[in-house]
Amino acid sequence: MKPANVYRQILKAVDKHVGKDGSRRHFRDFVIQEFRSNSELSDRSAVRSKLNLASNYTYMLNSLHHHKELLFSYNIAIDRSDEVKKTLRKSAASVGLQLPEVYQP
């Protein structure tokens, strides 16, 4: 487990699941600050435990997001039109297209 890989994975998970816009930027800044402040640690066991903690947090964040998506997909009583639109937009964006905005009077 290399620190650069763990760092990259946790930043990617925080950006994807928490967000990186203005009001949620402090989560990303905290992760960056913690990795920078612990980069000079000489105790290998402390470094290993902190990397393990960061890796576990990344796994938990990804798992919670996946679990939430599964719950939404199995619940038929919820209006899923927003999720369907989101999926269609992601599919269209993957081939370089954009869906037009639908007029709502």
PDB file of N, CA and C in Angstrom:
ATOM      1  N   MET A   1       0.850  -1.177   0.000  1.00  0.00           N
ATOM      2  CA  MET A   1       0.000   0.000   0.000  1.00  0.00           C
ATOM      3  C   MET A   1       0.893   1.237   0.000  1.00  0.00           C
ATOM      4  N   LYS A   2       0.917   1.915  -1.127  1.00  0.00           N
ATOM      5  CA  LYS A   2       1.757   3.093  -1.264  1.00  0.00           C
ATOM      6  C   LYS A   2       0.962   4.342  -0.888  1.00  0.00           C
ATOM      7  N   PRO A   3       1.619   5.286  -0.229  1.00  0.00           N
ATOM      8  CA  PRO A   3       0.917   6.508   0.192  1.00  0.00           C
ATOM      9  C   PRO A   3       0.303   7.277  -0.977  1.00  0.00           C
ATOM     10  N   ALA A   4       0.987   7.317  -2.105  1.00  0.00           N
ATOM     11  CA  ALA A   4       0.459   8.056  -3.255  1.00  0.00           C
ATOM     12  C   ALA A   4      -0.842   7.429  -3.757  1.00  0.00           C
ATOM     13  N   ASN A   5      -0.907   6.102  -3.775  1.00  0.00           N
ATOM     14  CA  ASN A   5      -2.127   5.431  -4.228  1.00  0.00           C
ATOM     15  C   ASN A   5      -3.283   5.677  -3.269  1.00  0.00           C
ATOM     16  N   VAL A   6      -3.013   5.589  -1.972  1.00  0.00           N
ATOM     17  CA  VAL A   6      -4.052   5.823  -0.971  1.00  0.00           C
ATOM     18  C   VAL A   6      -4.536   7.269  -1.047  1.00  0.00           C
ATOM     19  N   TYR A   7      -3.601   8.184  -1.196  1.00  0.00           N
ATOM     20  CA  TYR A   7      -3.927   9.608  -1.304  1.00  0.00           C
ATOM     21  C   TYR A   7      -4.818   9.871  -2.519  1.00  0.00           C
ATOM     22  N   ARG A   8      -4.445   9.306  -3.641  1.00  0.00           N
ATOM     23  CA  ARG A   8      -5.212   9.484  -4.875  1.00  0.00           C
ATOM     24  C   ARG A   8      -6.612   8.893  -4.739  1.00  0.00           C
ATOM     25  N   GLN A   9      -6.705   7.704  -4.143  1.00  0.00           N
ATOM     26  CA  GLN A   9      -8.003   7.041  -3.991  1.00  0.00           C
ATOM     27  C   GLN A   9      -8.930   7.801  -3.046  1.00  0.00           C
ATOM     28  N   ILE A  10      -8.387   8.291  -1.943  1.00  0.00           N
ATOM     29  CA  ILE A  10      -9.252   8.987  -0.985  1.00  0.00           C
ATOM     30  C   ILE A  10      -9.710  10.336  -1.547  1.00  0.00           C
ATOM     31  N   LEU A  11      -8.843  11.040  -2.270  1.00  0.00           N
ATOM     32  CA  LEU A  11      -9.270  12.304  -2.881  1.00  0.00           C
ATOM     33  C   LEU A  11     -10.324  12.062  -3.950  1.00  0.00           C
ATOM     34  N   LYS A  12     -10.163  10.999  -4.704  1.00  0.00           N
ATOM     35  CA  LYS A  12     -11.147  10.666  -5.730  1.00  0.00           C
ATOM     36  C   LYS A  12     -12.494  10.320  -5.108  1.00  0.00           C
ATOM     37  N   ALA A  13     -12.478   9.564  -4.017  1.00  0.00           N
ATOM     38  CA  ALA A  13     -13.720   9.196  -3.338  1.00  0.00           C
ATOM     39  C   ALA A  13     -14.390  10.410  -2.709  1.00  0.00           C
ATOM     40  N   VAL A  14     -13.616  11.283  -2.091  1.00  0.00           N
ATOM     41  CA  VAL A  14     -14.182  12.488  -1.475  1.00  0.00           C
ATOM     42  C   VAL A  14     -14.775  13.395  -2.550  1.00  0.00           C
ATOM     43  N   ASP A  15     -14.071  13.566  -3.667  1.00  0.00           N
ATOM     44  CA  ASP A  15     -14.591  14.402  -4.744  1.00  0.00           C
ATOM     45  C   ASP A  15     -15.883  13.833  -5.317  1.00  0.00           C
ATOM     46  N   LYS A  16     -15.935  12.522  -5.474  1.00  0.00           N
ATOM     47  CA  LYS A  16     -17.093  11.894  -6.105  1.00  0.00           C
ATOM     48  C   LYS A  16     -18.303  11.830  -5.179  1.00  0.00           C
ATOM     49  N   HIS A  17     -18.098  11.469  -3.914  1.00  0.00           N
ATOM     50  CA  HIS A  17     -19.217  11.191  -3.030  1.00  0.00           C
ATOM     51  C   HIS A  17     -19.564  12.344  -2.091  1.00  0.00           C
ATOM     52  N   VAL A  18     -18.609  13.152  -1.721  1.00  0.00           N
ATOM     53  CA  VAL A  18     -18.876  14.280  -0.829  1.00  0.00           C
ATOM     54  C   VAL A  18     -19.078  15.547  -1.646  1.00  0.00           C
ATOM     55  N   GLY A  19     -18.228  15.750  -2.626  1.00  0.00           N
ATOM     56  CA  GLY A  19     -18.319  16.926  -3.481  1.00  0.00           C
ATOM     57  C   GLY A  19     -17.096  17.800  -3.313  1.00  0.00           C
ATOM     58  N   LYS A  20     -16.888  18.647  -4.303  1.00  0.00           N
ATOM     59  CA  LYS A  20     -15.729  19.532  -4.238  1.00  0.00           C
ATOM     60  C   LYS A  20     -16.094  20.983  -4.496  1.00  0.00           C
ATOM     61  N   ASP A  21     -17.390  21.285  -4.387  1.00  0.00           N
ATOM     62  CA  ASP A  21     -17.808  22.668  -4.575  1.00  0.00           C
ATOM     63  C   ASP A  21     -17.514  23.475  -3.315  1.00  0.00           C
ATOM     64  N   GLY A  22     -17.867  24.720  -3.322  1.00  0.00           N
ATOM     65  CA  GLY A  22     -17.494  25.664  -2.268  1.00  0.00           C
ATOM     66  C   GLY A  22     -17.869  25.265  -0.860  1.00  0.00           C
ATOM     67  N   SER A  23     -19.096  24.804  -0.646  1.00  0.00           N
ATOM     68  CA  SER A  23     -19.534  24.522   0.722  1.00  0.00           C
ATOM     69  C   SER A  23     -18.958  23.217   1.273  1.00  0.00           C
ATOM     70  N   ARG A  24     -18.490  22.349   0.419  1.00  0.00           N
ATOM     71  CA  ARG A  24     -17.954  21.059   0.872  1.00  0.00           C
ATOM     72  C   ARG A  24     -16.456  20.937   0.632  1.00  0.00           C
ATOM     73  N   ARG A  25     -15.853  22.025   0.280  1.00  0.00           N
ATOM     74  CA  ARG A  25     -14.415  22.031  -0.033  1.00  0.00           C
ATOM     75  C   ARG A  25     -13.567  21.686   1.193  1.00  0.00           C
ATOM     76  N   HIS A  26     -14.077  21.945   2.405  1.00  0.00           N
ATOM     77  CA  HIS A  26     -13.276  21.738   3.605  1.00  0.00           C
ATOM     78  C   HIS A  26     -12.970  20.247   3.839  1.00  0.00           C
ATOM     79  N   PHE A  27     -13.791  19.327   3.330  1.00  0.00           N
ATOM     80  CA  PHE A  27     -13.479  17.904   3.453  1.00  0.00           C
ATOM     81  C   PHE A  27     -12.213  17.567   2.666  1.00  0.00           C
ATOM     82  N   ARG A  28     -12.171  18.047   1.444  1.00  0.00           N
ATOM     83  CA  ARG A  28     -11.000  17.797   0.590  1.00  0.00           C
ATOM     84  C   ARG A  28      -9.761  18.478   1.171  1.00  0.00           C
ATOM     85  N   ASP A  29      -9.919  19.696   1.658  1.00  0.00           N
ATOM     86  CA  ASP A  29      -8.791  20.416   2.252  1.00  0.00           C
ATOM     87  C   ASP A  29      -8.264  19.700   3.494  1.00  0.00           C
ATOM     88  N   PHE A  30      -9.162  19.105   4.279  1.00  0.00           N
ATOM     89  CA  PHE A  30      -8.730  18.375   5.470  1.00  0.00           C
ATOM     90  C   PHE A  30      -7.887  17.163   5.088  1.00  0.00           C
ATOM     91  N   VAL A  31      -8.318  16.430   4.070  1.00  0.00           N
ATOM     92  CA  VAL A  31      -7.556  15.250   3.624  1.00  0.00           C
ATOM     93  C   VAL A  31      -6.173  15.672   3.143  1.00  0.00           C
ATOM     94  N   ILE A  32      -6.114  16.725   2.349  1.00  0.00           N
ATOM     95  CA  ILE A  32      -4.825  17.213   1.841  1.00  0.00           C
ATOM     96  C   ILE A  32      -3.923  17.642   2.987  1.00  0.00           C
ATOM     97  N   GLN A  33      -4.492  18.360   3.946  1.00  0.00           N
ATOM     98  CA  GLN A  33      -3.711  18.833   5.093  1.00  0.00           C
ATOM     99  C   GLN A  33      -3.177  17.668   5.919  1.00  0.00           C
ATOM    100  N   GLU A  34      -3.995  16.662   6.165  1.00  0.00           N
ATOM    101  CA  GLU A  34      -3.557  15.508   6.954  1.00  0.00           C
ATOM    102  C   GLU A  34      -2.440  14.743   6.266  1.00  0.00           C
ATOM    103  N   PHE A  35      -2.543  14.547   4.969  1.00  0.00           N
ATOM    104  CA  PHE A  35      -1.482  13.832   4.269  1.00  0.00           C
ATOM    105  C   PHE A  35      -0.190  14.636   4.254  1.00  0.00           C
ATOM    106  N   ARG A  36      -0.290  15.936   4.110  1.00  0.00           N
ATOM    107  CA  ARG A  36       0.921  16.762   4.104  1.00  0.00           C
ATOM    108  C   ARG A  36       1.561  16.825   5.489  1.00  0.00           C
ATOM    109  N   SER A  37       0.751  16.910   6.530  1.00  0.00           N
ATOM    110  CA  SER A  37       1.315  17.014   7.874  1.00  0.00           C
ATOM    111  C   SER A  37       1.931  15.698   8.340  1.00  0.00           C
ATOM    112  N   ASN A  38       1.439  14.584   7.814  1.00  0.00           N
ATOM    113  CA  ASN A  38       1.977  13.282   8.216  1.00  0.00           C
ATOM    114  C   ASN A  38       3.022  12.747   7.250  1.00  0.00           C
ATOM    115  N   SER A  39       3.434  13.539   6.282  1.00  0.00           N
ATOM    116  CA  SER A  39       4.408  13.054   5.304  1.00  0.00           C
ATOM    117  C   SER A  39       5.814  12.949   5.894  1.00  0.00           C
ATOM    118  N   GLU A  40       6.085  13.661   6.989  1.00  0.00           N
ATOM    119  CA  GLU A  40       7.420  13.622   7.589  1.00  0.00           C
ATOM    120  C   GLU A  40       7.527  12.639   8.758  1.00  0.00           C
ATOM    121  N   LEU A  41       6.521  11.822   8.980  1.00  0.00           N
ATOM    122  CA  LEU A  41       6.583  10.867  10.085  1.00  0.00           C
ATOM    123  C   LEU A  41       7.668   9.833   9.838  1.00  0.00           C
ATOM    124  N   SER A  42       8.447   9.554  10.874  1.00  0.00           N
ATOM    125  CA  SER A  42       9.523   8.574  10.723  1.00  0.00           C
ATOM    126  C   SER A  42       9.132   7.204  11.281  1.00  0.00           C
ATOM    127  N   ASP A  43       8.126   7.166  12.132  1.00  0.00           N
ATOM    128  CA  ASP A  43       7.663   5.902  12.704  1.00  0.00           C
ATOM    129  C   ASP A  43       6.852   5.136  11.655  1.00  0.00           C
ATOM    130  N   ARG A  44       7.411   4.016  11.190  1.00  0.00           N
ATOM    131  CA  ARG A  44       6.767   3.264  10.105  1.00  0.00           C
ATOM    132  C   ARG A  44       5.427   2.676  10.523  1.00  0.00           C
ATOM    133  N   SER A  45       5.319   2.271  11.786  1.00  0.00           N
ATOM    134  CA  SER A  45       4.045   1.699  12.225  1.00  0.00           C
ATOM    135  C   SER A  45       2.953   2.761  12.275  1.00  0.00           C
ATOM    136  N   ALA A  46       3.309   3.989  12.642  1.00  0.00           N
ATOM    137  CA  ALA A  46       2.320   5.079  12.655  1.00  0.00           C
ATOM    138  C   ALA A  46       1.885   5.421  11.237  1.00  0.00           C
ATOM    139  N   VAL A  47       2.836   5.439  10.314  1.00  0.00           N
ATOM    140  CA  VAL A  47       2.513   5.717   8.918  1.00  0.00           C
ATOM    141  C   VAL A  47       1.618   4.619   8.365  1.00  0.00           C
ATOM    142  N   ARG A  48       1.956   3.376   8.670  1.00  0.00           N
ATOM    143  CA  ARG A  48       1.167   2.246   8.179  1.00  0.00           C
ATOM    144  C   ARG A  48      -0.254   2.284   8.733  1.00  0.00           C
ATOM    145  N   SER A  49      -0.382   2.620  10.024  1.00  0.00           N
ATOM    146  CA  SER A  49      -1.717   2.661  10.621  1.00  0.00           C
ATOM    147  C   SER A  49      -2.550   3.807  10.037  1.00  0.00           C
ATOM    148  N   LYS A  50      -1.920   4.957   9.783  1.00  0.00           N
ATOM    149  CA  LYS A  50      -2.653   6.080   9.197  1.00  0.00           C
ATOM    150  C   LYS A  50      -3.053   5.787   7.750  1.00  0.00           C
ATOM    151  N   LEU A  51      -2.183   5.120   7.012  1.00  0.00           N
ATOM    152  CA  LEU A  51      -2.534   4.739   5.642  1.00  0.00           C
ATOM    153  C   LEU A  51      -3.658   3.719   5.639  1.00  0.00           C
ATOM    154  N   ASN A  52      -3.607   2.802   6.587  1.00  0.00           N
ATOM    155  CA  ASN A  52      -4.673   1.803   6.699  1.00  0.00           C
ATOM    156  C   ASN A  52      -5.995   2.478   7.049  1.00  0.00           C
ATOM    157  N   LEU A  53      -5.955   3.442   7.939  1.00  0.00           N
ATOM    158  CA  LEU A  53      -7.155   4.193   8.307  1.00  0.00           C
ATOM    159  C   LEU A  53      -7.718   4.949   7.098  1.00  0.00           C
ATOM    160  N   ALA A  54      -6.851   5.599   6.324  1.00  0.00           N
ATOM    161  CA  ALA A  54      -7.298   6.328   5.134  1.00  0.00           C
ATOM    162  C   ALA A  54      -7.870   5.375   4.096  1.00  0.00           C
ATOM    163  N   SER A  55      -7.252   4.235   3.934  1.00  0.00           N
ATOM    164  CA  SER A  55      -7.751   3.238   2.987  1.00  0.00           C
ATOM    165  C   SER A  55      -9.104   2.693   3.419  1.00  0.00           C
ATOM    166  N   ASN A  56      -9.248   2.439   4.709  1.00  0.00           N
ATOM    167  CA  ASN A  56     -10.528   1.959   5.232  1.00  0.00           C
ATOM    168  C   ASN A  56     -11.626   3.013   5.082  1.00  0.00           C
ATOM    169  N   TYR A  57     -11.286   4.268   5.285  1.00  0.00           N
ATOM    170  CA  TYR A  57     -12.265   5.339   5.122  1.00  0.00           C
ATOM    171  C   TYR A  57     -12.710   5.432   3.664  1.00  0.00           C
ATOM    172  N   THR A  58     -11.772   5.295   2.744  1.00  0.00           N
ATOM    173  CA  THR A  58     -12.102   5.308   1.324  1.00  0.00           C
ATOM    174  C   THR A  58     -13.045   4.170   0.984  1.00  0.00           C
ATOM    175  N   TYR A  59     -12.738   2.985   1.496  1.00  0.00           N
ATOM    176  CA  TYR A  59     -13.583   1.816   1.253  1.00  0.00           C
ATOM    177  C   TYR A  59     -14.988   2.036   1.829  1.00  0.00           C
ATOM    178  N   MET A  60     -15.063   2.612   3.032  1.00  0.00           N
ATOM    179  CA  MET A  60     -16.354   2.867   3.658  1.00  0.00           C
ATOM    180  C   MET A  60     -17.164   3.891   2.854  1.00  0.00           C
ATOM    181  N   LEU A  61     -16.508   4.947   2.402  1.00  0.00           N
ATOM    182  CA  LEU A  61     -17.187   5.985   1.635  1.00  0.00           C
ATOM    183  C   LEU A  61     -17.753   5.421   0.335  1.00  0.00           C
ATOM    184  N   ASN A  62     -16.950   4.638  -0.371  1.00  0.00           N
ATOM    185  CA  ASN A  62     -17.415   4.015  -1.612  1.00  0.00           C
ATOM    186  C   ASN A  62     -18.535   3.017  -1.351  1.00  0.00           C
ATOM    187  N   SER A  63     -18.429   2.251  -0.270  1.00  0.00           N
ATOM    188  CA  SER A  63     -19.445   1.253   0.053  1.00  0.00           C
ATOM    189  C   SER A  63     -20.768   1.895   0.449  1.00  0.00           C
ATOM    190  N   LEU A  64     -20.713   2.966   1.222  1.00  0.00           N
ATOM    191  CA  LEU A  64     -21.941   3.663   1.602  1.00  0.00           C
ATOM    192  C   LEU A  64     -22.663   4.244   0.382  1.00  0.00           C
ATOM    193  N   HIS A  65     -21.888   4.788  -0.529  1.00  0.00           N
ATOM    194  CA  HIS A  65     -22.495   5.345  -1.736  1.00  0.00           C
ATOM    195  C   HIS A  65     -23.131   4.237  -2.577  1.00  0.00           C
ATOM    196  N   HIS A  66     -22.434   3.122  -2.707  1.00  0.00           N
ATOM    197  CA  HIS A  66     -22.970   1.994  -3.468  1.00  0.00           C
ATOM    198  C   HIS A  66     -24.228   1.435  -2.791  1.00  0.00           C
ATOM    199  N   HIS A  67     -24.201   1.348  -1.483  1.00  0.00           N
ATOM    200  CA  HIS A  67     -25.362   0.852  -0.726  1.00  0.00           C
ATOM    201  C   HIS A  67     -26.562   1.775  -0.922  1.00  0.00           C
ATOM    202  N   LYS A  68     -26.328   3.065  -0.891  1.00  0.00           N
ATOM    203  CA  LYS A  68     -27.401   4.041  -1.088  1.00  0.00           C
ATOM    204  C   LYS A  68     -28.004   3.890  -2.483  1.00  0.00           C
ATOM    205  N   GLU A  69     -27.164   3.707  -3.486  1.00  0.00           N
ATOM    206  CA  GLU A  69     -27.663   3.499  -4.845  1.00  0.00           C
ATOM    207  C   GLU A  69     -28.490   2.222  -4.943  1.00  0.00           C
ATOM    208  N   LEU A  70     -28.049   1.167  -4.269  1.00  0.00           N
ATOM    209  CA  LEU A  70     -28.817  -0.082  -4.280  1.00  0.00           C
ATOM    210  C   LEU A  70     -30.175   0.098  -3.614  1.00  0.00           C
ATOM    211  N   LEU A  71     -30.205   0.788  -2.488  1.00  0.00           N
ATOM    212  CA  LEU A  71     -31.476   1.019  -1.820  1.00  0.00           C
ATOM    213  C   LEU A  71     -32.443   1.804  -2.697  1.00  0.00           C
ATOM    214  N   PHE A  72     -31.939   2.808  -3.376  1.00  0.00           N
ATOM    215  CA  PHE A  72     -32.799   3.575  -4.272  1.00  0.00           C
ATOM    216  C   PHE A  72     -33.284   2.726  -5.443  1.00  0.00           C
ATOM    217  N   SER A  73     -32.427   1.862  -5.947  1.00  0.00           N
ATOM    218  CA  SER A  73     -32.830   1.063  -7.106  1.00  0.00           C
ATOM    219  C   SER A  73     -33.844  -0.018  -6.744  1.00  0.00           C
ATOM    220  N   TYR A  74     -33.852  -0.496  -5.505  1.00  0.00           N
ATOM    221  CA  TYR A  74     -34.783  -1.541  -5.099  1.00  0.00           C
ATOM    222  C   TYR A  74     -36.122  -1.001  -4.603  1.00  0.00           C
ATOM    223  N   ASN A  75     -36.176   0.252  -4.235  1.00  0.00           N
ATOM    224  CA  ASN A  75     -37.400   0.828  -3.691  1.00  0.00           C
ATOM    225  C   ASN A  75     -38.272   1.341  -4.828  1.00  0.00           C
ATOM    226  N   ILE A  76     -39.351   0.638  -5.074  1.00  0.00           N
ATOM    227  CA  ILE A  76     -40.223   0.962  -6.194  1.00  0.00           C
ATOM    228  C   ILE A  76     -41.115   2.159  -5.861  1.00  0.00           C
ATOM    229  N   ALA A  77     -41.393   2.417  -4.603  1.00  0.00           N
ATOM    230  CA  ALA A  77     -42.314   3.476  -4.206  1.00  0.00           C
ATOM    231  C   ALA A  77     -41.743   4.879  -4.420  1.00  0.00           C
ATOM    232  N   ILE A  78     -40.453   5.008  -4.579  1.00  0.00           N
ATOM    233  CA  ILE A  78     -39.823   6.318  -4.756  1.00  0.00           C
ATOM    234  C   ILE A  78     -39.866   6.710  -6.237  1.00  0.00           C
ATOM    235  N   ASP A  79     -40.145   7.972  -6.478  1.00  0.00           N
ATOM    236  CA  ASP A  79     -40.111   8.475  -7.845  1.00  0.00           C
ATOM    237  C   ASP A  79     -38.669   8.465  -8.335  1.00  0.00           C
ATOM    238  N   ARG A  80     -38.377   7.657  -9.316  1.00  0.00           N
ATOM    239  CA  ARG A  80     -37.008   7.459  -9.764  1.00  0.00           C
ATOM    240  C   ARG A  80     -36.678   8.268 -11.010  1.00  0.00           C
ATOM    241  N   SER A  81     -37.501   9.207 -11.364  1.00  0.00           N
ATOM    242  CA  SER A  81     -37.265   9.944 -12.603  1.00  0.00           C
ATOM    243  C   SER A  81     -35.943  10.721 -12.551  1.00  0.00           C
ATOM    244  N   ASP A  82     -35.579  11.256 -11.387  1.00  0.00           N
ATOM    245  CA  ASP A  82     -34.309  11.977 -11.274  1.00  0.00           C
ATOM    246  C   ASP A  82     -33.117  11.049 -11.469  1.00  0.00           C
ATOM    247  N   GLU A  83     -33.200   9.837 -10.891  1.00  0.00           N
ATOM    248  CA  GLU A  83     -32.110   8.878 -11.058  1.00  0.00           C
ATOM    249  C   GLU A  83     -31.992   8.421 -12.507  1.00  0.00           C
ATOM    250  N   VAL A  84     -33.139   8.249 -13.159  1.00  0.00           N
ATOM    251  CA  VAL A  84     -33.129   7.829 -14.566  1.00  0.00           C
ATOM    252  C   VAL A  84     -32.527   8.932 -15.431  1.00  0.00           C
ATOM    253  N   LYS A  85     -32.889  10.195 -15.158  1.00  0.00           N
ATOM    254  CA  LYS A  85     -32.321  11.317 -15.910  1.00  0.00           C
ATOM    255  C   LYS A  85     -30.814  11.396 -15.712  1.00  0.00           C
ATOM    256  N   LYS A  86     -30.393  11.178 -14.478  1.00  0.00           N
ATOM    257  CA  LYS A  86     -28.961  11.222 -14.178  1.00  0.00           C
ATOM    258  C   LYS A  86     -28.223  10.125 -14.941  1.00  0.00           C
ATOM    259  N   THR A  87     -28.791   8.929 -14.977  1.00  0.00           N
ATOM    260  CA  THR A  87     -28.181   7.815 -15.702  1.00  0.00           C
ATOM    261  C   THR A  87     -28.134   8.102 -17.198  1.00  0.00           C
ATOM    262  N   LEU A  88     -29.211   8.656 -17.735  1.00  0.00           N
ATOM    263  CA  LEU A  88     -29.234   8.989 -19.160  1.00  0.00           C
ATOM    264  C   LEU A  88     -28.208  10.069 -19.500  1.00  0.00           C
ATOM    265  N   ARG A  89     -28.080  11.066 -18.630  1.00  0.00           N
ATOM    266  CA  ARG A  89     -27.080  12.118 -18.872  1.00  0.00           C
ATOM    267  C   ARG A  89     -25.668  11.572 -18.833  1.00  0.00           C
ATOM    268  N   LYS A  90     -25.394  10.670 -17.880  1.00  0.00           N
ATOM    269  CA  LYS A  90     -24.062  10.069 -17.801  1.00  0.00           C
ATOM    270  C   LYS A  90     -23.781   9.222 -19.031  1.00  0.00           C
ATOM    271  N   SER A  91     -24.794   8.494 -19.503  1.00  0.00           N
ATOM    272  CA  SER A  91     -24.627   7.669 -20.703  1.00  0.00           C
ATOM    273  C   SER A  91     -24.379   8.540 -21.930  1.00  0.00           C
ATOM    274  N   ALA A  92     -25.126   9.611 -22.055  1.00  0.00           N
ATOM    275  CA  ALA A  92     -24.941  10.515 -23.191  1.00  0.00           C
ATOM    276  C   ALA A  92     -23.578  11.206 -23.123  1.00  0.00           C
ATOM    277  N   ALA A  93     -23.168  11.590 -21.922  1.00  0.00           N
ATOM    278  CA  ALA A  93     -21.874  12.262 -21.763  1.00  0.00           C
ATOM    279  C   ALA A  93     -20.716  11.331 -22.081  1.00  0.00           C
ATOM    280  N   SER A  94     -20.903  10.035 -21.864  1.00  0.00           N
ATOM    281  CA  SER A  94     -19.807   9.090 -22.134  1.00  0.00           C
ATOM    282  C   SER A  94     -19.491   8.992 -23.622  1.00  0.00           C
ATOM    283  N   VAL A  95     -20.441   9.352 -24.485  1.00  0.00           N
ATOM    284  CA  VAL A  95     -20.189   9.352 -25.925  1.00  0.00           C
ATOM    285  C   VAL A  95     -20.087  10.768 -26.480  1.00  0.00           C
ATOM    286  N   GLY A  96     -20.031  11.753 -25.606  1.00  0.00           N
ATOM    287  CA  GLY A  96     -19.807  13.133 -26.021  1.00  0.00           C
ATOM    288  C   GLY A  96     -21.058  13.904 -26.387  1.00  0.00           C
ATOM    289  N   LEU A  97     -22.203  13.468 -25.911  1.00  0.00           N
ATOM    290  CA  LEU A  97     -23.456  14.161 -26.211  1.00  0.00           C
ATOM    291  C   LEU A  97     -24.030  14.779 -24.952  1.00  0.00           C
ATOM    292  N   GLN A  98     -24.965  15.708 -25.150  1.00  0.00           N
ATOM    293  CA  GLN A  98     -25.687  16.308 -24.035  1.00  0.00           C
ATOM    294  C   GLN A  98     -27.170  16.175 -24.309  1.00  0.00           C
ATOM    295  N   LEU A  99     -27.933  15.842 -23.281  1.00  0.00           N
ATOM    296  CA  LEU A  99     -29.374  15.777 -23.427  1.00  0.00           C
ATOM    297  C   LEU A  99     -29.952  17.179 -23.372  1.00  0.00           C
ATOM    298  N   PRO A 100     -30.946  17.463 -24.190  1.00  0.00           N
ATOM    299  CA  PRO A 100     -31.555  18.798 -24.135  1.00  0.00           C
ATOM    300  C   PRO A 100     -32.408  18.952 -22.889  1.00  0.00           C
ATOM    301  N   GLU A 101     -32.535  20.178 -22.435  1.00  0.00           N
ATOM    302  CA  GLU A 101     -33.395  20.462 -21.293  1.00  0.00           C
ATOM    303  C   GLU A 101     -34.848  20.366 -21.743  1.00  0.00           C
ATOM    304  N   VAL A 102     -35.676  19.700 -20.976  1.00  0.00           N
ATOM    305  CA  VAL A 102     -37.075  19.534 -21.304  1.00  0.00           C
ATOM    306  C   VAL A 102     -37.849  20.722 -20.751  1.00  0.00           C
ATOM    307  N   TYR A 103     -38.683  21.272 -21.596  1.00  0.00           N
ATOM    308  CA  TYR A 103     -39.484  22.434 -21.192  1.00  0.00           C
ATOM    309  C   TYR A 103     -40.557  21.996 -20.208  1.00  0.00           C
ATOM    310  N   GLN A 104     -40.632  22.682 -19.052  1.00  0.00           N
ATOM    311  CA  GLN A 104     -41.633  22.397 -18.031  1.00  0.00           C
ATOM    312  C   GLN A 104     -42.410  23.683 -17.760  1.00  0.00           C
ATOM    313  N   PRO A 105     -43.680  23.760 -18.198  1.00  0.00           N
ATOM    314  CA  PRO A 105     -44.441  24.998 -17.979  1.00  0.00           C
ATOM    315  C   PRO A 105     -44.781  25.209 -16.520  1.00  0.00           C
TER     316      PRO A 105
END
